[in-house]
Amino acid sequence: MQAQGHQMNMGKKPLATVMKHVDKFVRIRLKNELVYEGRMVECDSYMNIVIEKAVEYEGNGRKAQYPKVLIRGNNIMYIQLNPQLSEG
């Protein structure tokens, strides 16, 4: 029962959960199906996110790499906070 209560609390404050992962590796899928992986260095109250050493993926392949990327919060479909590192 206690574990369920903990999950419910996390669901009520998603922004606080995301903010705890600043300076950690994340994977973000956008509404346009692009995926970005890298170290999240900033996140604001609109869930706009800055990622350093970002790798962009389209479909199953790596598309590009950027030193820094700003992702607008309303374009985010979901965020993986503890993803497994991608191969290659």
Protein backbone atom coordinates (compact mmCIF):
# COMPACT_ATOMS: atom_id res chain seq x y z
CA MET A 1 0.00 0.00 0.00
CA GLN A 2 2.80 2.41 0.87
CA ALA A 3 4.48 1.95 -2.53
CA GLN A 4 1.25 2.91 -4.29
CA GLY A 5 1.00 6.09 -2.23
CA HIS A 6 4.57 7.00 -3.20
CA GLN A 7 3.73 6.57 -6.90
CA MET A 8 0.66 8.77 -6.55
CA ASN A 9 2.71 11.56 -4.96
CA MET A 10 5.21 11.46 -7.83
CA GLY A 11 2.34 11.70 -10.31
CA LYS A 12 1.01 14.84 -8.66
CA LYS A 13 4.31 16.74 -8.98
CA PRO A 14 5.95 15.74 -12.26
CA LEU A 15 7.93 18.98 -12.53
CA ALA A 16 9.55 18.42 -9.12
CA THR A 17 10.50 14.90 -10.21
CA VAL A 18 12.07 16.19 -13.44
CA MET A 19 13.93 18.98 -11.58
CA LYS A 20 15.61 16.36 -9.36
CA HIS A 21 17.30 14.97 -12.48
CA VAL A 22 19.16 18.15 -13.48
CA ASP A 23 22.80 17.27 -14.28
CA LYS A 24 21.81 13.69 -15.11
CA PHE A 25 21.38 11.79 -18.37
CA VAL A 26 17.87 11.91 -19.88
CA ARG A 27 16.10 10.81 -23.06
CA ILE A 28 13.30 13.01 -24.41
CA ARG A 29 10.83 12.04 -27.13
CA LEU A 30 9.12 14.91 -28.92
CA LYS A 31 5.66 15.01 -30.49
CA ASN A 32 7.31 14.96 -33.93
CA GLU A 33 8.94 11.58 -33.03
CA LEU A 34 12.50 12.95 -32.72
CA VAL A 35 14.43 11.72 -29.69
CA TYR A 36 17.17 13.61 -27.85
CA GLU A 37 19.61 12.14 -25.33
CA GLY A 38 22.09 14.02 -23.21
CA ARG A 39 22.77 15.64 -19.85
CA MET A 40 19.91 17.87 -18.72
CA VAL A 41 21.46 21.07 -17.38
CA GLU A 42 18.37 23.29 -16.99
CA CYS A 43 14.62 22.92 -16.59
CA ASP A 44 12.13 25.73 -15.93
CA SER A 45 8.52 25.85 -14.72
CA TYR A 46 7.24 25.39 -18.31
CA MET A 47 9.39 22.25 -18.60
CA ASN A 48 11.61 23.91 -21.19
CA ILE A 49 14.78 21.83 -21.01
CA VAL A 50 18.40 22.44 -21.96
CA ILE A 51 20.48 19.37 -22.80
CA GLU A 52 24.26 19.36 -23.22
CA LYS A 53 26.14 16.95 -25.51
CA ALA A 54 22.79 16.17 -27.13
CA VAL A 55 22.38 13.36 -29.62
CA GLU A 56 19.38 13.52 -31.95
CA TYR A 57 17.73 10.34 -33.23
CA GLU A 58 15.16 9.95 -35.99
CA GLY A 59 13.54 6.56 -36.49
CA ASN A 60 16.09 3.91 -35.50
CA GLY A 61 19.18 5.90 -36.44
CA ARG A 62 21.39 8.62 -35.09
CA LYS A 63 20.78 11.84 -36.99
CA ALA A 64 23.01 14.54 -35.44
CA GLN A 65 24.98 15.66 -32.40
CA TYR A 66 24.89 19.13 -30.81
CA PRO A 67 26.86 20.77 -27.98
CA LYS A 68 23.65 22.22 -26.48
CA VAL A 69 19.92 21.98 -27.31
CA LEU A 70 16.91 23.87 -25.95
CA ILE A 71 13.68 21.86 -26.06
CA ARG A 72 10.43 23.74 -25.62
CA GLY A 73 8.26 22.04 -23.01
CA ASN A 74 5.06 21.93 -25.06
CA ASN A 75 6.85 19.85 -27.73
CA ILE A 76 7.71 17.05 -25.29
CA MET A 77 5.77 13.79 -25.49
CA TYR A 78 7.66 12.13 -22.62
CA ILE A 79 10.93 12.16 -20.68
CA GLN A 80 12.89 9.10 -19.58
CA LEU A 81 14.77 10.09 -16.46
CA ASN A 82 16.97 7.00 -16.04
CA PRO A 83 17.33 5.58 -19.56
CA GLN A 84 19.74 2.86 -20.52
CA LEU A 85 22.55 4.23 -22.67
CA SER A 86 21.99 3.79 -26.39
CA GLU A 87 24.20 1.51 -28.42
CA GLY A 88 26.57 3.17 -30.89
